[in-house]
Protein backbone atom coordinates (compact mmCIF):
# COMPACT_ATOMS: atom_id res chain seq x y z
CA MET A 1 90.42 77.32 86.07
CA SER A 2 88.35 79.86 87.55
CA THR A 3 89.66 83.18 89.16
CA ASN A 4 89.07 83.49 92.89
CA THR A 5 87.14 86.87 93.06
CA CYS A 6 88.28 87.11 96.60
CA LEU A 7 91.84 87.88 95.72
CA SER A 8 90.48 91.05 93.86
CA CYS A 9 87.97 92.05 96.51
CA GLY A 10 88.48 92.03 100.01
CA ALA A 11 85.55 94.11 100.91
CA CYS A 12 84.53 91.48 103.68
CA CYS A 13 87.95 92.29 105.36
CA ALA A 14 86.91 95.89 105.56
CA ALA A 15 83.21 95.77 106.45
CA PHE A 16 82.77 93.62 109.45
CA ARG A 17 83.81 93.02 113.02
CA VAL A 18 85.74 89.92 113.48
CA SER A 19 85.47 88.39 116.98
CA PHE A 20 86.65 85.18 117.92
CA ASP A 21 87.42 82.82 120.98
CA VAL A 22 90.66 83.68 122.69
CA SER A 23 91.92 80.20 122.26
CA GLU A 24 92.68 80.92 118.73
CA LEU A 25 95.44 83.46 119.96
CA GLU A 26 99.05 82.20 119.81
CA SER A 27 99.55 83.01 123.65
CA GLU A 28 96.50 80.58 124.11
CA GLY A 29 97.78 77.85 121.91
CA GLY A 30 96.05 79.09 118.50
CA CYS A 31 97.54 80.23 115.46
CA VAL A 32 96.20 84.11 115.43
CA PRO A 33 99.09 86.49 116.21
CA ASP A 34 98.49 88.17 119.48
CA GLY A 35 99.81 91.65 118.09
CA LEU A 36 97.05 91.67 115.55
CA ALA A 37 94.24 91.04 117.93
CA ASP A 38 92.58 92.94 120.99
CA ARG A 39 90.84 91.11 123.86
CA GLU A 40 87.07 92.08 124.12
CA ASN A 41 86.72 90.31 127.53
CA ALA A 42 88.07 86.82 129.25
CA THR A 43 86.71 84.75 126.30
CA LEU A 44 86.53 86.95 123.13
CA ALA A 45 89.26 88.77 120.89
CA ARG A 46 88.93 90.62 117.85
CA LEU A 47 91.14 91.52 114.98
CA ARG A 48 92.46 94.98 114.96
CA GLY A 49 90.93 97.38 112.73
CA THR A 50 87.75 95.62 112.63
CA ASP A 51 86.16 97.64 115.27
CA TYR A 52 85.98 101.04 113.58
CA ALA A 53 83.01 102.68 112.14
CA ARG A 54 84.95 102.32 108.68
CA PRO A 55 86.46 98.75 109.61
CA ARG A 56 89.47 97.50 107.91
CA CYS A 57 91.52 94.42 109.20
CA VAL A 58 95.13 95.33 110.00
CA ALA A 59 96.20 92.01 108.16
CA LEU A 60 94.55 92.99 104.93
CA ILE A 61 97.02 93.85 102.54
CA GLY A 62 96.26 95.65 99.03
CA GLU A 63 93.58 97.91 97.65
CA ILE A 64 90.00 96.81 98.03
CA GLY A 65 88.28 95.81 94.64
CA ARG A 66 91.82 95.78 92.78
CA GLU A 67 94.02 93.49 94.24
CA VAL A 68 94.19 92.14 97.97
CA ARG A 69 95.69 89.34 100.14
CA CYS A 70 95.44 88.42 103.71
CA GLY A 71 98.50 88.90 105.55
CA ILE A 72 97.82 86.29 108.01
CA TYR A 73 96.01 83.72 105.61
CA ARG A 74 97.22 80.77 107.48
CA GLU A 75 96.83 82.06 111.05
CA ARG A 76 93.30 83.76 110.15
CA PRO A 77 90.60 83.09 112.90
CA GLY A 78 87.63 80.86 112.71
CA PRO A 79 85.18 83.51 111.35
CA CYS A 80 87.54 84.37 108.57
CA ARG A 81 87.87 80.51 107.40
CA GLU A 82 84.11 80.35 107.64
CA PHE A 83 83.41 83.24 105.38
CA ALA A 84 84.16 81.31 102.07
CA PRO A 85 84.08 82.56 98.74
CA LEU A 86 80.67 83.01 97.15
CA ALA A 87 81.00 79.96 94.79
CA GLU A 88 81.53 77.73 97.60
CA ILE A 89 78.73 78.50 100.33
CA GLY A 90 75.40 80.17 99.47
CA HIS A 91 74.49 81.32 102.87
CA PHE A 92 77.27 83.89 103.04
CA ALA A 93 76.46 85.52 99.66
CA ASP A 94 74.21 88.06 101.19
CA ALA A 95 76.61 89.35 103.53
CA CYS A 96 79.45 89.05 100.75
CA ASN A 97 77.44 91.44 98.64
CA ARG A 98 76.68 93.70 101.43
CA ALA A 99 80.26 94.15 102.24
CA ARG A 100 80.86 94.91 98.41
CA ALA A 101 78.15 97.28 98.29
CA ARG A 102 79.67 99.36 101.25
CA HIS A 103 82.65 99.76 98.89
CA GLY A 104 81.02 100.55 95.65
CA LEU A 105 81.58 97.11 94.11
CA PRO A 106 78.87 95.62 92.13
CA PRO A 107 77.09 92.19 93.70
CA LEU A 108 78.26 88.83 92.63
CA PRO A 109 75.71 86.33 91.01
CA VAL A 110 74.51 83.81 93.46
CA ASP A 111 73.50 80.39 92.49
CA ARG A 112 70.62 79.61 94.71
CA ASP A 113 69.63 76.19 93.33
């Protein structure tokens, strides 16, 4: 069984702004807890903490590069669901490695068959 690198990384959760459609908020029929998001405008919301010069999602629990988990994994918004682990999807690999570099973590190998 392979180890999920994301469970010891978390760099993406502390590197990018996470904006999503307001329909994903609980108050609008979605799953994302309203208390963990701010509305940007009538159609967009963002996860709290991801909007700073040194972003860190408020739902991220643990120490980046050691052991992390998402406190709202089952309720996370679409952009978080789409940012799959490197092993699963190649086009996010560069973004993943940029996030890792921001936190002093080495890049992960990318299989680009």
